[in-house]
Amino acid sequence: MTHRAIQIALLMLTTLPTAAVAAPDTVFFPSADGKTEIVGYLFRPQTPGPHPAIVLLHGRGGPYSINVNKDCTLVSRTAPSAACNAGSLSKRHAMWGQYWADHGYVALLPDSFGPRGKAHGFGRFTHDDPDRADVNEKTVRPLDAEGALSWLRSQKDVRENRIFLQGWSNGGSTALNVMQRQGTATSGYRAALAFYPGCGPAALLAQTLKSAAPITMLLGSDDEEVSPERCQEVAQRSLAASSKIDVVLYPGATHDFDDPGQRRQSNPANNAALKDAMIRAIAAVNGLKD
């Protein structure tokens, strides 16, 4: 980015809301698994379209606030939840959804867990929990992301050739797996942003990613849940295989460094990482030509 572009991005950040001004729209679309209807939350720009779009993939905790999701199970068109819905998204998901909408992007946050009876999400270090098998990041959740891509392309206010992908933790691993499945094809997601993904063999389809579309990994050096070193190793092998991968390692930043809550943002390294990540996210997608 140029010095002027960085100045503009920093100015935009000073007006960033910490949550959505209003609850996003609730939408439904089919997963590419051919059997599951996914519930999604759609943030729309206030300006006329068509707009570029981005799909947001939640982590293992699910899309909803931990203050309400404990007793949530099924969330669907026929079984709406009184607690887990568009009005109870986590602060991070509401913040990012509104951020993209404020900058001219349609943002779609699919809930991969609620339609499968697991809207409560999962706690830390539960990767081997058998209950996670039917919502896993290798064989299940990529199909939801592919369904989201198809649905967005059917919307009149979306530019079908400018749809991007962003994921956090388990959702970051899902994003990398989507790009691996997409491979050398140039007709899918235009780029992916993976925030602190798990990069081990249990999380990724391959330890060398082969993607024609660019990938940006954003990692915290002090991540207490996943290994940034392993992700850097995956990136190095992938670069050697001619994939386009940019890796950013934030010194002192932890897992969930972009969570806007006080607990995470009281760490100055997380605060700095959040601000930089937002600048990089916009630059990564705006910089791609049609």
Foldseek 3Di string as FASTA:
>chain_A
DDPVLLVVLLVLVVPQDLFAPDFFDWDWFDFLVPPFIWIKGKQAAPDFFQFAAEEEEEAQQWFFDLVFLQPAFADDPVDHDPGDDSVGGASLVRRVCNSQNPVGYIYMYITLGRRVGGRRGDDAPCLVPPVCPCSALQPHVLRRVQRVLVVQCVDPSHDSLQYAYEYAALGLLSQQNNQQVCAAPNRTHQEYEREAYAQDVSRHPDLAGGGNHEYEYEEEPAEPRHHPVSVVSSVVNNVVVVHHYHYHYQYPAYGVLLRPDPVNVVRVSSVVSNSVVSSVVCCSRVVDDD
